Amino acid sequence: MSSRQASVSRDTFETKIACALNIDGQGNGNLQSGVPFLDHMLDQIVRHGLFDIAIKCDGDNHIDDHHSVEDIGITLGMAFDQALGDRKGIQRYGHAYVPLDEALSRVVIDFSGRPGLFFNAEFVRPKVGTFDVELTSEFFQGFANHARATIHMDVIRGLNEHHKIETLFKAFGRSLRMACAVDDRSANLLPSTKGSL
């Protein structure tokens, strides 16, 4: 558990991404996604998860932000998967409810080894500024697939699209922090009755 860090690079014809992660960080971020609203949301993960995360993405934003947002989710998921290693000693499960004014969201994570995203959020407006709100689920789908995690996300209530998305990212950061936390009582054990994840 002494070095839960990872550096991941992912290059495609659509994006070039470098990601550095320290799970046991202090909440320091260096976020250059090329998508300003996503930088703001990634900062919620950094601050509320107390992770150190550096992301640099050069993407085809002249087309739209889809590839950058999805591929950053993929790359960050790969970094968590790598940094967690064999997953021995982690809590495995994490959950959080987070409000922001009128909005309230719940996120539950299981680092089960079985990817799955169950996303329940209704958005009325298609954009927050220039950000397509439908890309919110694309980010988390990419993360779930490559972190090998099951994630349930629900916007329970809310009127403001910015608030709803921000509560999802804040709750995601908090639940990630809980799921990645080391359980001193089972430091050398896999958190599974099957003996594998």
Protein backbone atom coordinates (compact mmCIF):
# COMPACT_ATOMS: atom_id res chain seq x y z
CA MET A 1 0.00 0.00 0.00
CA SER A 2 3.05 2.28 0.13
CA SER A 3 2.83 3.45 -3.51
CA ARG A 4 -0.65 3.64 -4.93
CA GLN A 5 0.32 5.72 -7.93
CA ALA A 6 0.03 5.39 -11.68
CA SER A 7 1.02 7.19 -14.86
CA VAL A 8 -0.96 6.36 -17.97
CA SER A 9 -0.68 7.62 -21.54
CA ARG A 10 -3.32 6.97 -24.18
CA ASP A 11 -2.86 8.06 -27.79
CA THR A 12 -5.43 7.67 -30.55
CA PHE A 13 -6.21 9.52 -33.77
CA GLU A 14 -8.73 11.57 -31.72
CA THR A 15 -6.93 12.33 -28.44
CA LYS A 16 -3.53 12.25 -26.80
CA ILE A 17 -3.82 12.02 -23.03
CA ALA A 18 -1.32 11.83 -20.19
CA CYS A 19 -2.64 11.11 -16.69
CA ALA A 20 -0.77 10.88 -13.38
CA LEU A 21 -2.56 9.73 -10.22
CA ASN A 22 -1.67 9.44 -6.55
CA ILE A 23 -4.57 7.87 -4.68
CA ASP A 24 -3.09 8.85 -1.31
CA GLY A 25 -2.62 12.48 -2.27
CA GLN A 26 -3.57 15.81 -0.76
CA GLY A 27 -6.11 17.04 -3.29
CA ASN A 28 -3.76 18.66 -5.79
CA GLY A 29 -4.85 18.92 -9.39
CA ASN A 30 -3.21 19.97 -12.64
CA LEU A 31 -6.09 19.71 -15.06
CA GLN A 32 -5.79 20.59 -18.73
CA SER A 33 -8.56 18.67 -20.44
CA GLY A 34 -9.23 21.22 -23.15
CA VAL A 35 -12.83 21.34 -21.91
CA PRO A 36 -13.21 24.09 -19.25
CA PHE A 37 -16.37 22.71 -17.65
CA LEU A 38 -14.79 19.25 -17.41
CA ASP A 39 -11.75 20.78 -15.68
CA HIS A 40 -14.16 22.25 -13.12
CA MET A 41 -15.78 18.84 -12.63
CA LEU A 42 -12.46 16.97 -12.43
CA ASP A 43 -11.44 19.42 -9.74
CA GLN A 44 -14.41 18.16 -7.68
CA ILE A 45 -12.96 14.63 -7.85
CA VAL A 46 -9.54 15.93 -6.83
CA ARG A 47 -10.76 18.03 -3.90
CA HIS A 48 -13.41 15.73 -2.52
CA GLY A 49 -11.42 12.54 -3.08
CA LEU A 50 -8.13 14.04 -1.86
CA PHE A 51 -6.41 12.55 -4.90
CA ASP A 52 -3.48 14.13 -6.69
CA ILE A 53 -4.38 14.08 -10.39
CA ALA A 54 -2.63 15.59 -13.38
CA ILE A 55 -4.33 15.35 -16.77
CA LYS A 56 -3.20 16.80 -20.08
CA CYS A 57 -5.37 16.16 -23.11
CA ASP A 58 -4.87 17.26 -26.70
CA GLY A 59 -8.13 16.37 -28.39
CA ASP A 60 -10.09 17.05 -31.56
CA ASN A 61 -12.22 19.74 -29.92
CA HIS A 62 -12.66 21.41 -33.31
CA ILE A 63 -15.14 18.58 -33.97
CA ASP A 64 -16.71 18.54 -30.51
CA ASP A 65 -15.76 17.60 -26.94
CA HIS A 66 -17.06 14.03 -27.05
CA HIS A 67 -13.78 12.23 -27.67
CA SER A 68 -11.87 14.24 -25.07
CA VAL A 69 -14.46 13.75 -22.33
CA GLU A 70 -14.93 10.02 -22.97
CA ASP A 71 -11.21 9.31 -23.38
CA ILE A 72 -10.30 11.19 -20.21
CA GLY A 73 -12.80 9.00 -18.36
CA ILE A 74 -11.15 5.94 -19.91
CA THR A 75 -7.63 7.09 -19.05
CA LEU A 76 -8.50 8.04 -15.47
CA GLY A 77 -10.17 4.66 -15.04
CA MET A 78 -7.03 2.94 -16.32
CA ALA A 79 -4.95 4.94 -13.81
CA PHE A 80 -7.15 3.89 -10.87
CA ASP A 81 -7.06 0.27 -11.99
CA GLN A 82 -3.27 0.37 -12.20
CA ALA A 83 -2.78 2.25 -8.93
CA LEU A 84 -5.05 -0.12 -6.97
CA GLY A 85 -3.03 -3.13 -8.15
CA ASP A 86 -4.43 -6.41 -6.82
CA ARG A 87 -6.92 -4.43 -4.67
CA LYS A 88 -5.92 -6.21 -1.48
CA GLY A 89 -6.85 -4.30 1.65
CA ILE A 90 -9.17 -1.73 0.11
CA GLN A 91 -12.66 -1.01 1.39
CA ARG A 92 -13.94 -1.87 -2.12
CA TYR A 93 -17.32 -0.18 -1.62
CA GLY A 94 -17.96 3.54 -1.41
CA HIS A 95 -21.05 5.70 -1.31
CA ALA A 96 -21.97 9.36 -0.91
CA TYR A 97 -24.93 11.68 -0.98
CA VAL A 98 -24.02 15.24 -1.94
CA PRO A 99 -26.30 18.29 -2.12
CA LEU A 100 -25.71 21.58 -3.89
CA ASP A 101 -28.51 23.98 -3.12
CA GLU A 102 -31.66 22.40 -4.65
CA ALA A 103 -29.81 19.49 -6.25
CA LEU A 104 -29.05 16.17 -4.56
CA SER A 105 -27.19 13.17 -5.99
CA ARG A 106 -26.16 9.73 -4.78
CA VAL A 107 -23.21 7.68 -6.04
CA VAL A 108 -22.36 4.12 -5.03
CA ILE A 109 -19.17 2.40 -6.22
CA ASP A 110 -18.00 -1.21 -6.08
CA PHE A 111 -14.48 -2.02 -7.26
CA SER A 112 -15.79 -5.45 -8.13
CA GLY A 113 -13.73 -6.15 -11.22
CA ARG A 114 -17.03 -6.16 -13.16
CA PRO A 115 -17.55 -2.96 -15.17
CA GLY A 116 -21.00 -1.42 -15.16
CA LEU A 117 -22.57 2.03 -15.10
CA PHE A 118 -26.17 2.52 -13.99
CA PHE A 119 -26.83 6.19 -14.63
CA ASN A 120 -30.13 7.82 -13.70
CA ALA A 121 -30.25 11.55 -14.37
CA GLU A 122 -32.72 13.65 -16.32
CA PHE A 123 -31.42 16.82 -17.89
CA VAL A 124 -33.77 19.45 -19.30
CA ARG A 125 -31.24 21.68 -21.04
CA PRO A 126 -28.80 20.13 -23.55
CA LYS A 127 -25.83 22.28 -22.52
CA VAL A 128 -24.15 23.94 -19.57
CA GLY A 129 -22.31 26.76 -21.27
CA THR A 130 -20.69 24.96 -24.20
CA PHE A 131 -20.64 21.56 -22.46
CA ASP A 132 -23.02 18.90 -23.77
CA VAL A 133 -24.70 17.45 -20.68
CA GLU A 134 -25.00 14.01 -22.35
CA LEU A 135 -21.20 13.74 -22.09
CA THR A 136 -21.54 13.38 -18.31
CA SER A 137 -22.55 9.73 -18.62
CA GLU A 138 -19.92 9.16 -21.34
CA PHE A 139 -17.18 10.18 -18.90
CA PHE A 140 -18.40 7.85 -16.18
CA GLN A 141 -18.99 4.97 -18.62
CA GLY A 142 -15.39 5.23 -19.77
CA PHE A 143 -14.19 5.29 -16.18
CA ALA A 144 -16.32 2.31 -15.10
CA ASN A 145 -15.20 0.18 -18.04
CA HIS A 146 -11.49 0.73 -17.47
CA ALA A 147 -11.40 0.94 -13.66
CA ARG A 148 -13.35 -2.34 -13.66
CA ALA A 149 -15.92 -0.89 -11.29
CA THR A 150 -19.68 -1.04 -10.90
CA ILE A 151 -21.07 2.47 -10.43
CA HIS A 152 -24.62 3.53 -9.61
CA MET A 153 -25.34 7.23 -10.06
CA ASP A 154 -28.65 8.95 -9.35
CA VAL A 155 -29.68 12.57 -9.46
CA ILE A 156 -32.40 12.44 -6.83
CA ARG A 157 -33.63 15.99 -7.38
CA GLY A 158 -32.54 19.26 -8.91
CA LEU A 159 -33.48 22.09 -11.23
CA ASN A 160 -30.15 23.57 -12.28
CA GLU A 161 -28.17 21.41 -14.72
CA HIS A 162 -24.81 22.72 -13.49
CA HIS A 163 -25.78 21.86 -9.91
CA LYS A 164 -26.97 18.38 -10.86
CA ILE A 165 -23.78 17.50 -12.72
CA GLU A 166 -21.59 18.99 -10.01
CA THR A 167 -23.30 16.95 -7.28
CA LEU A 168 -22.60 13.81 -9.32
CA PHE A 169 -18.90 14.60 -9.58
CA LYS A 170 -18.61 15.59 -5.92
CA ALA A 171 -20.39 12.43 -4.79
CA PHE A 172 -18.22 10.43 -7.17
CA GLY A 173 -15.06 11.87 -5.58
CA ARG A 174 -16.32 11.14 -2.07
CA SER A 175 -17.39 7.59 -2.86
CA LEU A 176 -14.12 6.91 -4.69
CA ARG A 177 -12.21 8.06 -1.62
CA MET A 178 -14.18 5.67 0.57
CA ALA A 179 -13.87 2.70 -1.81
CA CYS A 180 -10.10 3.18 -2.24
CA ALA A 181 -9.45 3.61 1.49
CA VAL A 182 -7.26 1.00 3.16
CA ASP A 183 -8.96 -1.21 5.74
CA ASP A 184 -6.31 -1.91 8.38
CA ARG A 185 -8.24 -4.93 9.62
CA SER A 186 -7.88 -6.69 6.26
CA ALA A 187 -4.70 -5.14 4.86
CA ASN A 188 -3.53 -8.28 3.05
CA LEU A 189 -6.91 -9.69 2.12
CA LEU A 190 -9.01 -9.31 -1.01
CA PRO A 191 -12.42 -7.87 -0.13
CA SER A 192 -14.27 -10.81 -1.68
CA THR A 193 -15.55 -14.16 -0.47
CA LYS A 194 -14.49 -15.58 -3.86
CA GLY A 195 -10.84 -14.81 -3.22
CA SER A 196 -10.52 -12.79 -6.42
CA LEU A 197 -11.91 -9.66 -8.05
